[in-house]
Amino acid sequence: MTEQFLQFPVIDPIIFSIGPVALRWYGMMYLVGFVVAMFLANKAADKSGGQWTRDQVSDLLFYSFLGVILGGRIGYVLFYQWDYFLADPLYLFQIWQGGMSFHGGLLGVVAAVYIFARKTNKSFLTVGDFVVPLVPVGLGMGRLGNFINAELWGRETDVPWAMVFPTDPLQVPRHPSQLYEFFLEGVVLFAILYVVTRKPRSLGLASGTFLIGYGVFRSIIEFFREPDAHLGLYFSFISKGQILSIPMILIGISIIYLGYLSQQKSAIIDGKIHSKTAKKKAVTTKGKA
């Protein structure tokens, strides 16, 4: 039966190894994502008119990298493996067993952005707007790494592009949901943020757009992605990933709305200032006459 569906391509997860040291495709994908993000960030800094420097970019990406690793691991354990953690708190540090959570990594990056903003005397949303266009690059590469590792596959289906994964104990055709995520969370979200950030916008628009975009895309993809076996679906229809994405959408909408109000308020204040200045100039000119 499975012969009529796509078979997972035979990909060795290890690119090459020298003794006990091995370079894996999964790690390579994240390395590529980091390098591309660094390139784009430096390019944006060069065009910022002195508002950003390459040294600041290096520091920000370093903080963000730590935030992704620490937050991703802590989030995975707390959100998805709480029972394991209660039984053995040291499980939190057993990173060799794998397990990372995007939502935990996001919280880690938020903490890193806050620390960096305080250190450089920049506003939190200014730093957030600068860094979020880079995130889809890492997300996209990470999802390709998931695909190569044949992990986080989708639900059983009979669509023509269904795929049988070698790591699936049931060996049934499934949605290649990693590729769906690569396309939506990586390619499409990157394109949206590129358009949003091409011209100066209201503070927080990029950050809010990212939160809404990822939250919506992740919620859609969760309908095709196989739920964690030990969690299943809540109320028989909603997954943990969707539950964690809903607050992202709400927070994103709030950030954009507050940014819009702030911009309107600034415009009104600027208008009053210009009006008063014009009146003063008119009075002064009349007096001299």
Protein backbone atom coordinates (compact mmCIF):
# COMPACT_ATOMS: atom_id res chain seq x y z
CA MET A 1 0.00 0.00 0.00
CA THR A 2 2.74 2.46 0.92
CA GLU A 3 4.53 1.95 -2.41
CA GLN A 4 2.09 4.31 -4.14
CA PHE A 5 3.24 7.19 -1.92
CA LEU A 6 6.52 9.08 -1.78
CA GLN A 7 9.29 7.35 0.09
CA PHE A 8 11.52 9.44 2.29
CA PRO A 9 14.82 10.11 0.48
CA VAL A 10 17.76 8.27 1.97
CA ILE A 11 19.76 11.01 3.65
CA ASP A 12 22.58 10.25 6.05
CA PRO A 13 22.10 12.68 8.97
CA ILE A 14 25.90 12.85 9.31
CA ILE A 15 27.70 14.83 6.60
CA PHE A 16 31.12 13.57 7.65
CA SER A 17 32.88 12.52 10.82
CA ILE A 18 36.44 12.61 12.08
CA GLY A 19 36.85 10.20 14.95
CA PRO A 20 34.19 10.95 17.58
CA VAL A 21 33.43 14.37 16.05
CA ALA A 22 30.62 14.44 13.49
CA LEU A 23 29.08 17.23 11.45
CA ARG A 24 25.35 16.65 11.10
CA TRP A 25 22.95 18.14 8.59
CA TYR A 26 20.70 19.35 11.42
CA GLY A 27 23.49 21.42 12.93
CA MET A 28 24.59 22.56 9.48
CA MET A 29 21.11 23.94 8.78
CA TYR A 30 21.23 26.07 11.92
CA LEU A 31 24.76 27.20 11.06
CA VAL A 32 23.60 28.29 7.59
CA GLY A 33 20.66 30.12 9.16
CA PHE A 34 22.95 31.93 11.60
CA VAL A 35 25.39 32.97 8.87
CA VAL A 36 22.61 34.29 6.62
CA ALA A 37 21.03 36.14 9.56
CA MET A 38 24.41 37.70 10.39
CA PHE A 39 24.83 38.82 6.77
CA LEU A 40 21.36 40.39 6.62
CA ALA A 41 21.76 42.06 10.02
CA ASN A 42 25.12 43.59 9.09
CA LYS A 43 23.63 44.82 5.83
CA ALA A 44 20.75 46.45 7.72
CA ALA A 45 23.18 48.00 10.22
CA ASP A 46 25.25 49.53 7.39
CA LYS A 47 22.09 51.19 6.05
CA SER A 48 20.86 52.41 9.45
CA GLY A 49 22.67 55.75 9.33
CA GLY A 50 24.67 55.04 12.47
CA GLN A 51 21.76 53.77 14.56
CA TRP A 52 23.26 50.29 14.51
CA THR A 53 26.85 49.07 14.33
CA ARG A 54 28.27 45.71 13.35
CA ASP A 55 29.59 45.24 16.89
CA GLN A 56 26.06 45.69 18.20
CA VAL A 57 24.81 43.18 15.65
CA SER A 58 27.36 40.62 16.85
CA ASP A 59 26.36 41.15 20.49
CA LEU A 60 22.64 40.99 19.71
CA LEU A 61 22.94 37.76 17.72
CA PHE A 62 25.10 36.22 20.45
CA TYR A 63 22.50 37.06 23.11
CA SER A 64 19.73 35.80 20.85
CA PHE A 65 21.59 32.54 20.18
CA LEU A 66 21.91 31.90 23.91
CA GLY A 67 18.25 32.80 24.34
CA VAL A 68 17.19 30.31 21.66
CA ILE A 69 19.25 27.46 23.15
CA LEU A 70 18.40 28.04 26.82
CA GLY A 71 14.81 29.11 26.26
CA GLY A 72 14.18 26.37 23.70
CA ARG A 73 15.35 23.65 26.04
CA ILE A 74 13.64 25.00 29.15
CA GLY A 75 10.44 25.60 27.19
CA TYR A 76 10.45 22.07 25.76
CA VAL A 77 10.82 20.53 29.19
CA LEU A 78 8.21 22.74 30.87
CA PHE A 79 5.68 22.78 28.01
CA TYR A 80 6.00 19.25 26.67
CA GLN A 81 7.84 17.07 29.22
CA TRP A 82 6.57 18.33 32.56
CA ASP A 83 6.05 14.83 33.95
CA TYR A 84 9.64 13.88 33.08
CA PHE A 85 10.87 17.01 34.83
CA LEU A 86 8.86 16.30 37.98
CA ALA A 87 10.19 12.75 38.09
CA ASP A 88 13.78 13.82 37.40
CA PRO A 89 14.63 17.57 37.49
CA LEU A 90 18.05 16.78 36.02
CA TYR A 91 16.24 15.88 32.80
CA LEU A 92 16.34 19.61 32.05
CA PHE A 93 20.10 19.36 31.49
CA GLN A 94 20.04 16.14 29.43
CA ILE A 95 20.24 18.02 26.15
CA TRP A 96 21.81 15.04 24.38
CA GLN A 97 18.36 13.41 24.44
CA GLY A 98 17.10 16.18 22.19
CA GLY A 99 14.05 18.37 22.54
CA MET A 100 13.64 22.07 21.74
CA SER A 101 10.55 24.26 21.78
CA PHE A 102 10.07 27.25 19.49
CA HIS A 103 7.82 29.02 21.97
CA GLY A 104 10.41 28.52 24.71
CA GLY A 105 13.13 29.75 22.37
CA LEU A 106 10.99 32.81 21.58
CA LEU A 107 10.72 33.65 25.28
CA GLY A 108 14.49 33.23 25.52
CA VAL A 109 15.01 35.67 22.65
CA VAL A 110 12.58 38.13 24.25
CA ALA A 111 14.70 38.02 27.41
CA ALA A 112 17.87 38.48 25.34
CA VAL A 113 16.37 41.46 23.49
CA TYR A 114 15.35 43.05 26.80
CA ILE A 115 18.86 42.66 28.24
CA PHE A 116 20.47 44.00 25.06
CA ALA A 117 18.06 46.95 24.91
CA ARG A 118 18.88 47.91 28.51
CA LYS A 119 22.60 47.60 27.86
CA THR A 120 22.57 49.76 24.71
CA ASN A 121 19.91 52.27 25.83
CA LYS A 122 17.62 51.31 22.97
CA SER A 123 13.90 50.75 23.31
CA PHE A 124 12.72 47.16 23.55
CA LEU A 125 10.55 47.39 20.42
CA THR A 126 13.33 49.09 18.44
CA VAL A 127 15.55 46.06 19.05
CA GLY A 128 12.64 43.69 18.46
CA ASP A 129 11.81 45.30 15.11
CA PHE A 130 15.44 44.93 14.08
CA VAL A 131 15.79 41.26 14.97
CA VAL A 132 12.43 39.70 13.96
CA PRO A 133 13.03 39.87 10.17
CA LEU A 134 16.01 37.56 10.76
CA VAL A 135 14.07 34.90 12.67
CA PRO A 136 12.31 33.25 9.67
CA VAL A 137 15.73 32.42 8.22
CA GLY A 138 16.62 30.31 11.24
CA LEU A 139 13.12 28.86 11.40
CA GLY A 140 13.21 27.78 7.78
CA MET A 141 16.62 26.16 8.08
CA GLY A 142 15.58 24.43 11.29
CA ARG A 143 12.52 22.92 9.62
CA LEU A 144 14.70 21.58 6.81
CA GLY A 145 16.85 20.02 9.51
CA ASN A 146 13.74 18.40 11.00
CA PHE A 147 12.88 16.99 7.58
CA ILE A 148 16.36 15.56 7.02
CA ASN A 149 16.20 13.98 10.48
CA ALA A 150 12.78 12.51 9.57
CA GLU A 151 11.27 13.94 12.75
CA LEU A 152 8.16 15.97 13.59
CA TRP A 153 6.30 14.48 10.65
CA GLY A 154 2.64 15.10 9.91
CA ARG A 155 -0.60 13.25 10.35
CA GLU A 156 -1.66 10.27 8.28
CA THR A 157 -3.09 11.23 4.89
CA ASP A 158 -3.69 9.99 1.34
CA VAL A 159 -2.78 13.19 -0.54
CA PRO A 160 -0.59 12.57 -3.64
CA TRP A 161 2.48 14.08 -1.95
CA ALA A 162 2.11 12.01 1.23
CA MET A 163 5.40 10.55 2.43
CA VAL A 164 6.42 7.48 4.43
CA PHE A 165 9.08 8.31 6.99
CA PRO A 166 11.60 5.68 8.11
CA THR A 167 11.30 6.80 11.75
CA ASP A 168 7.54 6.23 11.80
CA PRO A 169 6.82 2.93 13.61
CA LEU A 170 3.47 2.63 11.81
CA GLN A 171 5.00 3.19 8.36
CA VAL A 172 1.94 4.98 7.05
CA PRO A 173 1.84 7.87 4.53
CA ARG A 174 1.92 11.25 6.27
CA HIS A 175 1.93 14.95 5.54
CA PRO A 176 5.53 16.24 5.17
CA SER A 177 4.58 18.95 7.66
CA GLN A 178 8.21 20.00 8.15
CA LEU A 179 8.17 21.27 4.56
CA TYR A 180 4.88 23.07 5.15
CA GLU A 181 6.53 24.82 8.08
CA PHE A 182 9.63 25.61 6.04
CA PHE A 183 7.46 27.29 3.43
CA LEU A 184 5.08 29.24 5.70
CA GLU A 185 7.25 29.99 8.74
CA GLY A 186 10.40 30.44 6.69
CA VAL A 187 9.78 31.65 3.13
CA VAL A 188 6.37 33.35 3.39
CA LEU A 189 6.96 34.97 6.79
CA PHE A 190 10.36 36.25 5.65
CA ALA A 191 8.75 37.80 2.54
CA ILE A 192 6.03 39.48 4.62
CA LEU A 193 8.53 40.97 7.05
CA TYR A 194 10.75 42.09 4.18
CA VAL A 195 7.87 44.11 2.73
CA VAL A 196 6.91 45.51 6.14
CA THR A 197 10.46 46.67 6.94
CA ARG A 198 11.42 48.09 3.54
CA LYS A 199 10.28 51.56 4.60
CA PRO A 200 10.12 53.22 8.03
CA ARG A 201 6.98 52.11 9.84
CA SER A 202 5.38 52.67 13.23
CA LEU A 203 7.33 51.27 16.17
CA GLY A 204 6.42 47.66 16.87
CA LEU A 205 4.82 46.92 13.49
CA ALA A 206 7.53 44.42 12.50
CA SER A 207 7.47 42.71 15.91
CA GLY A 208 3.68 42.53 15.93
CA THR A 209 3.53 41.25 12.36
CA PHE A 210 6.00 38.48 13.19
CA LEU A 211 4.03 37.36 16.24
CA ILE A 212 0.75 37.34 14.32
CA GLY A 213 2.26 35.70 11.24
CA TYR A 214 3.99 32.91 13.10
CA GLY A 215 1.03 32.33 15.39
CA VAL A 216 -1.38 32.03 12.46
CA PHE A 217 0.91 29.86 10.32
CA ARG A 218 1.80 27.55 13.21
CA SER A 219 -1.88 27.19 14.14
CA ILE A 220 -2.70 26.20 10.55
CA ILE A 221 0.14 23.72 10.25
CA GLU A 222 -0.78 22.07 13.56
CA PHE A 223 -3.85 20.65 11.80
CA PHE A 224 -1.46 18.66 9.58
CA ARG A 225 1.30 17.93 12.10
CA GLU A 226 1.16 14.80 14.24
CA PRO A 227 0.51 15.79 17.88
CA ASP A 228 2.98 14.65 20.52
CA ALA A 229 2.03 11.09 21.45
CA HIS A 230 2.07 11.74 25.20
CA LEU A 231 -0.01 14.92 24.87
CA GLY A 232 -2.46 14.30 22.06
CA LEU A 233 -5.13 16.90 21.41
CA TYR A 234 -6.90 19.01 24.00
CA PHE A 235 -10.70 18.85 23.76
CA SER A 236 -10.13 16.49 20.83
CA PHE A 237 -9.26 19.27 18.36
CA ILE A 238 -6.61 21.72 19.61
CA SER A 239 -2.89 20.96 20.06
CA LYS A 240 -0.38 22.33 22.55
CA GLY A 241 1.33 24.22 19.70
CA GLN A 242 -1.94 25.99 18.88
CA ILE A 243 -2.59 26.83 22.53
CA LEU A 244 0.85 28.41 22.79
CA SER A 245 0.38 30.30 19.51
CA ILE A 246 -2.89 32.02 20.44
CA PRO A 247 -1.23 34.40 22.95
CA MET A 248 1.34 35.29 20.28
CA ILE A 249 -1.42 36.46 17.93
CA LEU A 250 -3.14 38.51 20.65
CA ILE A 251 0.11 40.11 21.81
CA GLY A 252 1.07 40.88 18.20
CA ILE A 253 -2.25 42.64 17.57
CA SER A 254 -1.84 44.62 20.80
CA ILE A 255 1.69 45.73 19.89
CA ILE A 256 0.62 46.96 16.45
CA TYR A 257 -2.40 48.78 17.89
CA LEU A 258 -0.38 50.48 20.64
CA GLY A 259 2.30 51.42 18.09
CA TYR A 260 -0.36 52.97 15.87
CA LEU A 261 -1.78 54.99 18.77
CA SER A 262 1.71 56.14 19.73
CA GLN A 263 2.38 57.25 16.14
CA GLN A 264 -0.91 59.15 16.00
CA LYS A 265 -0.18 60.85 19.30
CA SER A 266 3.29 61.85 18.12
CA ALA A 267 1.83 63.25 14.90
CA ILE A 268 -0.68 65.36 16.86
CA ILE A 269 2.03 66.67 19.19
CA ASP A 270 4.33 67.46 16.26
CA GLY A 271 1.46 69.24 14.50
CA LYS A 272 0.77 71.41 17.55
CA ILE A 273 4.46 72.26 17.91
CA HIS A 274 4.73 73.26 14.24
CA SER A 275 1.55 75.31 14.56
CA LYS A 276 2.83 77.19 17.62
CA THR A 277 6.19 77.76 15.94
CA ALA A 278 4.49 79.14 12.84
CA LYS A 279 2.35 81.48 14.95
CA LYS A 280 5.38 82.77 16.86
CA LYS A 281 7.21 83.44 13.59
CA ALA A 282 4.16 85.28 12.21
CA VAL A 283 3.89 87.47 15.33
CA THR A 284 7.61 88.22 15.30
CA THR A 285 7.53 89.16 11.63
CA LYS A 286 4.49 91.38 12.15
CA GLY A 287 6.16 93.10 15.11
CA LYS A 288 9.28 93.86 13.09
CA ALA A 289 7.17 95.27 10.31
